[in-house]
Amino acid sequence: MSLDVYREIREALGRGEPRVLATVASTRGSTPRKAGASMLLRPDGSFNGTIGGGCGEAEVWQEAMETMRDGQPRTVVVDLTEPVDGEDKICGGVMHVFVERIAQQG
């Protein structure tokens, strides 16, 4: 995780603003990013960092926005082995991405 992500988490918590952190927990095969890569989402849907781009990142983004709404952590399995139209899923691996809401407890 980059220092920018840590800094944004600290600042957001200080302002009482929630964030959702999506972290690649594990990978198998060829994937765009490896375990530890992260993406921090804001309530407006914008984000800091990347877990690889393309349709896999979009899939995680959708689940992360659900976590922003309901506060429930989840694991998203991004399967990059299935052939699809276009060139987005050419890596051939699988990523497990843990998604959690980060907010002040209270």
Protein backbone atom coordinates (compact mmCIF):
# COMPACT_ATOMS: atom_id res chain seq x y z
CA MET A 1 0.00 0.00 0.00
CA SER A 2 1.36 3.40 -0.92
CA LEU A 3 2.03 6.23 1.52
CA ASP A 4 -0.64 8.27 -0.29
CA VAL A 5 -3.27 5.67 0.64
CA TYR A 6 -2.17 5.63 4.30
CA ARG A 7 -2.18 9.43 4.39
CA GLU A 8 -5.67 9.63 2.87
CA ILE A 9 -7.02 7.08 5.36
CA ARG A 10 -5.62 9.08 8.28
CA GLU A 11 -6.99 12.38 6.95
CA ALA A 12 -10.42 10.91 6.12
CA LEU A 13 -10.74 9.38 9.58
CA GLY A 14 -9.78 12.73 11.09
CA ARG A 15 -12.66 14.35 9.19
CA GLY A 16 -15.07 11.51 10.01
CA GLU A 17 -15.33 10.46 6.35
CA PRO A 18 -15.58 6.76 5.45
CA ARG A 19 -13.39 5.04 2.90
CA VAL A 20 -13.38 1.53 1.49
CA LEU A 21 -10.10 -0.30 1.11
CA ALA A 22 -9.81 -3.06 -1.51
CA THR A 23 -6.65 -5.14 -1.07
CA VAL A 24 -5.46 -8.02 -3.22
CA ALA A 25 -5.30 -10.82 -0.64
CA SER A 26 -4.01 -13.60 -2.89
CA THR A 27 -3.34 -14.41 -6.52
CA ARG A 28 -2.97 -17.50 -8.64
CA GLY A 29 -1.48 -17.50 -12.12
CA SER A 30 -0.75 -14.37 -14.08
CA THR A 31 -2.45 -11.26 -12.64
CA PRO A 32 -1.90 -7.53 -13.21
CA ARG A 33 -1.02 -6.92 -9.54
CA LYS A 34 0.12 -9.16 -6.71
CA ALA A 35 -0.96 -9.60 -3.09
CA GLY A 36 -0.83 -6.34 -1.15
CA ALA A 37 -1.86 -4.07 -4.03
CA SER A 38 -4.67 -1.78 -2.92
CA MET A 39 -7.26 0.73 -4.03
CA LEU A 40 -8.96 3.20 -1.68
CA LEU A 41 -12.46 4.33 -2.63
CA ARG A 42 -14.22 7.53 -1.61
CA PRO A 43 -18.00 7.93 -1.13
CA ASP A 44 -18.29 9.68 -4.52
CA GLY A 45 -16.77 6.66 -6.29
CA SER A 46 -13.39 8.21 -7.05
CA PHE A 47 -10.36 6.28 -5.86
CA ASN A 48 -6.67 6.32 -5.02
CA GLY A 49 -4.42 3.45 -6.15
CA THR A 50 -5.11 0.46 -8.38
CA ILE A 51 -5.49 -3.28 -8.23
CA GLY A 52 -4.88 -3.73 -11.93
CA GLY A 53 -7.35 -1.79 -14.04
CA GLY A 54 -9.75 -3.10 -16.64
CA CYS A 55 -12.94 -5.02 -16.05
CA GLY A 56 -11.51 -6.81 -12.99
CA GLU A 57 -10.97 -3.51 -11.21
CA ALA A 58 -14.45 -2.37 -12.28
CA GLU A 59 -15.94 -5.53 -10.74
CA VAL A 60 -14.16 -4.81 -7.44
CA TRP A 61 -15.21 -1.14 -7.63
CA GLN A 62 -18.88 -2.18 -7.83
CA GLU A 63 -18.55 -4.45 -4.78
CA ALA A 64 -16.60 -1.77 -2.93
CA MET A 65 -19.41 0.72 -3.46
CA GLU A 66 -21.80 -1.86 -1.95
CA THR A 67 -19.47 -2.08 1.05
CA MET A 68 -19.52 1.73 1.27
CA ARG A 69 -23.33 1.55 1.51
CA ASP A 70 -23.82 -1.45 3.79
CA GLY A 71 -20.53 -1.59 5.74
CA GLN A 72 -20.19 -5.33 5.14
CA PRO A 73 -16.72 -6.63 4.29
CA ARG A 74 -16.53 -9.05 1.37
CA THR A 75 -14.08 -10.99 -0.72
CA VAL A 76 -14.33 -10.53 -4.47
CA VAL A 77 -12.95 -13.25 -6.71
CA VAL A 78 -11.68 -11.75 -9.96
CA ASP A 79 -11.34 -14.54 -12.52
CA LEU A 80 -9.11 -13.42 -15.38
CA THR A 81 -9.06 -16.87 -17.02
CA GLU A 82 -12.39 -16.76 -18.83
CA PRO A 83 -12.28 -15.58 -22.44
CA VAL A 84 -14.38 -12.47 -23.02
CA ASP A 85 -14.95 -10.02 -25.81
CA GLY A 86 -12.23 -7.41 -25.88
CA GLU A 87 -8.77 -7.51 -24.36
CA ASP A 88 -9.47 -6.79 -20.67
CA LYS A 89 -9.01 -10.32 -19.29
CA ILE A 90 -5.79 -11.46 -20.93
CA CYS A 91 -3.77 -12.21 -17.78
CA GLY A 92 -5.01 -15.75 -17.17
CA GLY A 93 -5.00 -15.76 -13.35
CA VAL A 94 -7.33 -15.30 -10.39
CA MET A 95 -7.22 -12.62 -7.69
CA HIS A 96 -9.00 -12.68 -4.33
CA VAL A 97 -9.62 -9.09 -3.23
CA PHE A 98 -10.68 -8.27 0.34
CA VAL A 99 -12.95 -5.22 0.56
CA GLU A 100 -13.55 -3.44 3.89
CA ARG A 101 -15.05 -0.17 5.04
CA ILE A 102 -12.79 2.05 7.10
CA ALA A 103 -14.64 4.53 9.30
CA GLN A 104 -14.54 5.87 12.82
CA GLN A 105 -16.23 3.59 15.30
CA GLY A 106 -18.96 5.22 17.20
